[in-house]
Amino acid sequence: MWQQAYDLRLEGPSWHEVFEGPHVPAALERFARAPEAAGEGTALMAAAGELVRASLADSAERSPYQTVHGTLDGLTPDGRAVRRSVSMHCVDVAGLLGTMASVAVHDITRGRVPSGVHTMAATLPPKGTADRIVRHLPQTILRVTEAPIDGPGMMTSAPQAARHPG
């Protein structure tokens, strides 16, 4: 993500971790109220253990998923200011990793990726990769929007149900 921000001459990306469930936020709240324990090695290890247990308790109550959202302001070819956004929600995290690996291997074996070490975002075509993810993981929801910065937006991609009827 940082490399893409640099290449696009952006200030920098930001992302958020969301803690679903009550246990991790409660543990973090307790740590915020008792900062004096942070300096002690024993107290710090106990807090780390508590955070791990809280995370396991929260994750045991939920199915894993991956959600990615990005927004970029720019111009259309005719010079209008627009905000473009993409959101992807995938409930098959292992399948997502496998699909991404297969896309990379497919492009590498066809000579589309130059030799050397690269980040996926710098070498794989975004639209083609997203299309493959949706095709191979039909429960994935992918939504792309484009909105004039001074007006209401419009959907520029078909809703997931329209691409995968039934």
Protein backbone atom coordinates (compact mmCIF):
# COMPACT_ATOMS: atom_id res chain seq x y z
CA MET A 1 0.00 0.00 0.00
CA TRP A 2 2.80 2.41 0.83
CA GLN A 3 4.50 1.74 -2.51
CA GLN A 4 1.27 2.49 -4.41
CA ALA A 5 0.84 5.73 -2.44
CA TYR A 6 4.41 6.73 -3.27
CA ASP A 7 3.99 5.88 -6.96
CA LEU A 8 0.77 7.95 -7.11
CA ARG A 9 2.47 10.82 -5.23
CA LEU A 10 -0.08 10.63 -2.43
CA GLU A 11 0.56 11.78 1.13
CA GLY A 12 0.13 8.23 2.31
CA PRO A 13 -2.47 5.58 2.79
CA SER A 14 -4.32 4.93 6.00
CA TRP A 15 -6.04 1.81 7.19
CA HIS A 16 -8.01 0.76 10.19
CA GLU A 17 -8.09 -2.44 12.16
CA VAL A 18 -11.55 -3.27 13.43
CA PHE A 19 -11.94 -5.40 16.52
CA GLU A 20 -15.21 -7.25 16.25
CA GLY A 21 -16.57 -8.52 19.50
CA PRO A 22 -16.48 -7.17 23.04
CA HIS A 23 -13.31 -8.78 24.45
CA VAL A 24 -10.45 -6.96 22.66
CA PRO A 25 -11.95 -3.45 23.05
CA ALA A 26 -12.57 -4.15 26.76
CA ALA A 27 -8.97 -5.30 27.24
CA LEU A 28 -7.64 -2.23 25.41
CA GLU A 29 -9.83 0.01 27.57
CA ARG A 30 -8.40 -1.60 30.73
CA PHE A 31 -4.85 -1.02 29.42
CA ALA A 32 -5.64 2.63 28.70
CA ARG A 33 -6.79 3.12 32.30
CA ALA A 34 -3.65 1.53 33.77
CA PRO A 35 -0.70 2.87 31.73
CA GLU A 36 1.72 2.61 34.67
CA ALA A 37 1.92 -1.17 34.15
CA ALA A 38 3.32 -0.71 30.64
CA GLY A 39 6.86 -0.16 31.96
CA GLU A 40 7.07 -3.42 33.93
CA GLY A 41 8.16 -6.55 32.07
CA THR A 42 5.93 -8.89 34.08
CA ALA A 43 2.90 -6.60 33.78
CA LEU A 44 3.54 -6.15 30.07
CA MET A 45 3.67 -9.92 29.49
CA ALA A 46 0.46 -10.37 31.51
CA ALA A 47 -1.24 -7.67 29.41
CA ALA A 48 -0.04 -9.33 26.19
CA GLY A 49 -1.43 -12.64 27.39
CA GLU A 50 -4.74 -11.01 28.25
CA LEU A 51 -4.92 -9.43 24.80
CA VAL A 52 -4.23 -12.79 23.10
CA ARG A 53 -6.97 -14.47 25.16
CA ALA A 54 -9.39 -11.63 24.37
CA SER A 55 -8.61 -11.93 20.65
CA LEU A 56 -9.16 -15.68 20.70
CA ALA A 57 -12.48 -15.22 22.53
CA ASP A 58 -13.67 -12.69 19.97
CA SER A 59 -12.53 -14.73 16.97
CA ALA A 60 -14.16 -17.91 18.31
CA GLU A 61 -17.52 -16.15 18.05
CA ARG A 62 -17.10 -15.05 14.42
CA SER A 63 -16.18 -16.36 11.00
CA PRO A 64 -13.06 -14.82 9.42
CA TYR A 65 -13.42 -12.39 6.54
CA GLN A 66 -11.41 -9.75 4.74
CA THR A 67 -12.77 -6.33 3.82
CA VAL A 68 -10.77 -3.84 1.79
CA HIS A 69 -11.91 -0.33 0.87
CA GLY A 70 -10.02 2.36 -0.99
CA THR A 71 -10.87 5.86 -2.19
CA LEU A 72 -8.97 8.15 -4.52
CA ASP A 73 -9.87 11.63 -5.76
CA GLY A 74 -8.90 12.44 -9.33
CA LEU A 75 -10.04 13.71 -12.71
CA THR A 76 -12.01 12.12 -15.52
CA PRO A 77 -10.51 12.27 -19.05
CA ASP A 78 -12.60 15.41 -19.68
CA GLY A 79 -11.29 17.13 -16.51
CA ARG A 80 -14.19 16.67 -14.06
CA ALA A 81 -13.22 16.09 -10.42
CA VAL A 82 -14.36 12.66 -9.19
CA ARG A 83 -13.96 10.38 -6.20
CA ARG A 84 -13.44 6.72 -7.12
CA SER A 85 -13.93 4.01 -4.52
CA VAL A 86 -13.60 0.26 -4.46
CA SER A 87 -14.83 -2.07 -1.73
CA MET A 88 -14.32 -5.81 -1.53
CA HIS A 89 -15.72 -8.13 1.12
CA CYS A 90 -14.56 -11.76 1.07
CA VAL A 91 -15.69 -14.45 3.50
CA ASP A 92 -13.19 -17.05 2.25
CA VAL A 93 -9.86 -15.69 3.48
CA ALA A 94 -7.92 -18.85 2.60
CA GLY A 95 -9.57 -18.87 -0.83
CA LEU A 96 -8.60 -15.22 -1.32
CA LEU A 97 -4.95 -16.00 -0.59
CA GLY A 98 -5.07 -19.03 -2.89
CA THR A 99 -6.70 -17.04 -5.70
CA MET A 100 -4.13 -14.25 -5.37
CA ALA A 101 -1.31 -16.82 -5.48
CA SER A 102 -2.81 -18.48 -8.56
CA VAL A 103 -3.18 -15.12 -10.31
CA ALA A 104 0.48 -14.37 -9.58
CA VAL A 105 1.65 -17.80 -10.78
CA HIS A 106 -0.51 -17.52 -13.90
CA ASP A 107 0.98 -14.15 -14.84
CA ILE A 108 4.54 -15.20 -13.96
CA THR A 109 4.40 -18.39 -16.06
CA ARG A 110 3.11 -16.39 -19.02
CA GLY A 111 5.99 -13.94 -18.82
CA ARG A 112 3.84 -10.97 -17.72
CA VAL A 113 5.91 -10.32 -14.59
CA PRO A 114 9.57 -9.33 -14.98
CA SER A 115 12.29 -11.21 -13.09
CA GLY A 116 13.00 -10.14 -9.55
CA VAL A 117 11.08 -9.45 -6.38
CA HIS A 118 7.91 -7.36 -6.69
CA THR A 119 4.83 -6.51 -4.69
CA MET A 120 1.61 -7.95 -6.15
CA ALA A 121 0.04 -4.50 -6.39
CA ALA A 122 2.90 -3.31 -8.60
CA THR A 123 2.73 -6.21 -11.07
CA LEU A 124 -0.77 -7.68 -11.26
CA PRO A 125 -3.48 -5.87 -13.24
CA PRO A 126 -6.04 -4.57 -10.70
CA LYS A 127 -9.19 -5.12 -12.79
CA GLY A 128 -8.17 -8.54 -14.07
CA THR A 129 -7.17 -9.66 -10.58
CA ALA A 130 -10.45 -8.41 -9.09
CA ASP A 131 -12.43 -10.15 -11.84
CA ARG A 132 -10.64 -13.44 -11.09
CA ILE A 133 -11.31 -13.12 -7.37
CA VAL A 134 -15.04 -12.60 -7.98
CA ARG A 135 -15.17 -15.41 -10.55
CA HIS A 136 -13.42 -17.96 -8.30
CA LEU A 137 -14.95 -16.84 -4.99
CA PRO A 138 -18.63 -16.22 -5.83
CA GLN A 139 -19.52 -15.05 -2.31
CA THR A 140 -17.11 -12.13 -2.69
CA ILE A 141 -18.77 -8.76 -3.03
CA LEU A 142 -16.91 -6.23 -5.15
CA ARG A 143 -18.28 -2.72 -5.64
CA VAL A 144 -16.70 0.11 -7.62
CA THR A 145 -18.17 3.60 -7.54
CA GLU A 146 -17.36 6.91 -9.16
CA ALA A 147 -18.90 10.11 -7.82
CA PRO A 148 -18.50 13.71 -8.89
CA ILE A 149 -16.89 15.46 -5.95
CA ASP A 150 -19.63 18.08 -5.96
CA GLY A 151 -22.63 15.79 -6.59
CA PRO A 152 -24.26 12.40 -6.06
CA GLY A 153 -22.42 9.25 -7.07
CA MET A 154 -23.16 6.48 -9.50
CA MET A 155 -22.34 2.79 -9.42
CA THR A 156 -19.83 1.84 -12.09
CA SER A 157 -19.83 -1.90 -11.45
CA ALA A 158 -22.66 -4.39 -11.38
CA PRO A 159 -23.78 -5.51 -7.93
CA GLN A 160 -22.43 -8.93 -6.97
CA ALA A 161 -25.85 -10.58 -7.32
CA ALA A 162 -26.11 -9.35 -10.92
CA ARG A 163 -22.85 -11.09 -11.81
CA HIS A 164 -23.63 -14.33 -10.02
CA PRO A 165 -27.34 -15.04 -10.34
CA GLY A 166 -28.82 -17.74 -8.14
